[in-house]
Amino acid sequence: MIHGSIPTYLDTADGGGFVDFVDPSYVQWRVSERDARHDPGAKADVCLIFTCTGTVRRVWDYPADWRTLPASDLLALSWRR
């Protein structure tokens, strides 16, 4: 993926899919929605997981259309709790 490009949405076998994007520091991120109903301390039934090499971020409050957000908005969303 080229820096500044539109995030890429990829379907998975379970239909959940994920989004890949590259931030301004050229770090590639993968975003996926996770069923958190069985996670200890879960704040909601589902969450978003942002992953890159050496980092994982979990976001509990996010818009339903998160897959359509531009990379800059996804990066800002990754800092929410």
C-alpha atoms as a PDB file:
ATOM      1  CA  MET A   1       0.000   0.000   0.000  1.00  0.00           C
ATOM      2  CA  ILE A   2       1.313   3.438  -0.866  1.00  0.00           C
ATOM      3  CA  HIS A   3       1.426   6.175   1.785  1.00  0.00           C
ATOM      4  CA  GLY A   4      -1.578   8.459   1.533  1.00  0.00           C
ATOM      5  CA  SER A   5      -3.614   5.955  -0.416  1.00  0.00           C
ATOM      6  CA  ILE A   6      -7.195   5.040   0.382  1.00  0.00           C
ATOM      7  CA  PRO A   7      -7.484   2.316   3.038  1.00  0.00           C
ATOM      8  CA  THR A   8      -7.956  -1.186   1.660  1.00  0.00           C
ATOM      9  CA  TYR A   9     -10.881  -3.279   2.844  1.00  0.00           C
ATOM     10  CA  LEU A  10     -10.474  -7.039   2.590  1.00  0.00           C
ATOM     11  CA  ASP A  11     -13.162  -9.647   3.195  1.00  0.00           C
ATOM     12  CA  THR A  12     -12.386 -12.647   5.362  1.00  0.00           C
ATOM     13  CA  ALA A  13     -13.977 -16.086   5.460  1.00  0.00           C
ATOM     14  CA  ASP A  14     -16.205 -15.079   8.386  1.00  0.00           C
ATOM     15  CA  GLY A  15     -17.404 -11.942   6.581  1.00  0.00           C
ATOM     16  CA  GLY A  16     -15.853  -9.640   9.171  1.00  0.00           C
ATOM     17  CA  GLY A  17     -13.082  -8.306   7.030  1.00  0.00           C
ATOM     18  CA  PHE A  18     -10.376  -5.882   7.950  1.00  0.00           C
ATOM     19  CA  VAL A  19      -8.904  -2.601   6.784  1.00  0.00           C
ATOM     20  CA  ASP A  20      -5.218  -1.918   6.067  1.00  0.00           C
ATOM     21  CA  PHE A  21      -3.809   1.613   5.963  1.00  0.00           C
ATOM     22  CA  VAL A  22      -0.452   3.372   6.199  1.00  0.00           C
ATOM     23  CA  ASP A  23       0.033   6.273   8.610  1.00  0.00           C
ATOM     24  CA  PRO A  24       2.158   9.409   7.942  1.00  0.00           C
ATOM     25  CA  SER A  25       5.207   7.666   9.482  1.00  0.00           C
ATOM     26  CA  TYR A  26       4.856   4.859   6.893  1.00  0.00           C
ATOM     27  CA  VAL A  27       3.676   2.351   9.499  1.00  0.00           C
ATOM     28  CA  GLN A  28       1.196  -0.176   8.113  1.00  0.00           C
ATOM     29  CA  TRP A  29      -1.829  -0.801  10.312  1.00  0.00           C
ATOM     30  CA  ARG A  30      -4.504  -3.488  10.193  1.00  0.00           C
ATOM     31  CA  VAL A  31      -7.904  -2.785  11.756  1.00  0.00           C
ATOM     32  CA  SER A  32     -10.452  -5.466  12.554  1.00  0.00           C
ATOM     33  CA  GLU A  33     -13.604  -5.769  14.617  1.00  0.00           C
ATOM     34  CA  ARG A  34     -13.516  -8.293  17.460  1.00  0.00           C
ATOM     35  CA  ASP A  35     -16.221 -10.023  19.456  1.00  0.00           C
ATOM     36  CA  ALA A  36     -15.293  -9.062  23.017  1.00  0.00           C
ATOM     37  CA  ARG A  37     -18.218 -10.616  24.891  1.00  0.00           C
ATOM     38  CA  HIS A  38     -15.963 -13.162  26.586  1.00  0.00           C
ATOM     39  CA  ASP A  39     -13.006 -10.856  27.247  1.00  0.00           C
ATOM     40  CA  PRO A  40     -12.396 -10.038  30.927  1.00  0.00           C
ATOM     41  CA  GLY A  41     -13.048  -6.343  31.566  1.00  0.00           C
ATOM     42  CA  ALA A  42     -14.775  -5.784  28.217  1.00  0.00           C
ATOM     43  CA  LYS A  43     -16.485  -2.400  27.954  1.00  0.00           C
ATOM     44  CA  ALA A  44     -18.775  -3.470  25.089  1.00  0.00           C
ATOM     45  CA  ASP A  45     -19.766  -6.536  23.068  1.00  0.00           C
ATOM     46  CA  VAL A  46     -17.393  -5.616  20.224  1.00  0.00           C
ATOM     47  CA  CYS A  47     -14.270  -3.543  19.792  1.00  0.00           C
ATOM     48  CA  LEU A  48     -11.848  -2.499  17.094  1.00  0.00           C
ATOM     49  CA  ILE A  49      -8.325  -3.861  17.194  1.00  0.00           C
ATOM     50  CA  PHE A  50      -5.572  -1.792  15.546  1.00  0.00           C
ATOM     51  CA  THR A  51      -2.319  -3.712  15.032  1.00  0.00           C
ATOM     52  CA  CYS A  52       1.082  -2.968  13.582  1.00  0.00           C
ATOM     53  CA  THR A  53       4.528  -4.341  14.317  1.00  0.00           C
ATOM     54  CA  GLY A  54       4.998  -4.055  18.081  1.00  0.00           C
ATOM     55  CA  THR A  55       1.697  -2.294  18.855  1.00  0.00           C
ATOM     56  CA  VAL A  56      -1.903  -3.250  19.548  1.00  0.00           C
ATOM     57  CA  ARG A  57      -4.639  -0.748  20.338  1.00  0.00           C
ATOM     58  CA  ARG A  58      -8.208  -1.576  21.350  1.00  0.00           C
ATOM     59  CA  VAL A  59     -11.024   0.918  20.749  1.00  0.00           C
ATOM     60  CA  TRP A  60     -14.450   0.531  22.335  1.00  0.00           C
ATOM     61  CA  ASP A  61     -16.315   3.557  21.001  1.00  0.00           C
ATOM     62  CA  TYR A  62     -16.299   3.825  17.217  1.00  0.00           C
ATOM     63  CA  PRO A  63     -18.699   4.565  14.338  1.00  0.00           C
ATOM     64  CA  ALA A  64     -20.530   1.765  12.544  1.00  0.00           C
ATOM     65  CA  ASP A  65     -19.065   2.930   9.219  1.00  0.00           C
ATOM     66  CA  TRP A  66     -15.446   2.684  10.399  1.00  0.00           C
ATOM     67  CA  ARG A  67     -14.504   0.655   7.279  1.00  0.00           C
ATOM     68  CA  THR A  68     -15.255   3.667   5.077  1.00  0.00           C
ATOM     69  CA  LEU A  69     -13.146   6.185   7.011  1.00  0.00           C
ATOM     70  CA  PRO A  70     -10.053   7.707   5.407  1.00  0.00           C
ATOM     71  CA  ALA A  71      -6.656   6.710   6.815  1.00  0.00           C
ATOM     72  CA  SER A  72      -6.278   9.976   8.752  1.00  0.00           C
ATOM     73  CA  ASP A  73      -9.583   9.391  10.559  1.00  0.00           C
ATOM     74  CA  LEU A  74      -8.716   5.759  11.292  1.00  0.00           C
ATOM     75  CA  LEU A  75      -5.403   6.851  12.820  1.00  0.00           C
ATOM     76  CA  ALA A  76      -7.174   9.417  15.027  1.00  0.00           C
ATOM     77  CA  LEU A  77      -9.753   6.782  15.991  1.00  0.00           C
ATOM     78  CA  SER A  78      -6.954   4.392  17.037  1.00  0.00           C
ATOM     79  CA  TRP A  79      -6.110   6.709  19.947  1.00  0.00           C
ATOM     80  CA  ARG A  80      -9.623   6.537  21.424  1.00  0.00           C
ATOM     81  CA  ARG A  81     -10.339   4.256  24.347  1.00  0.00           C
END
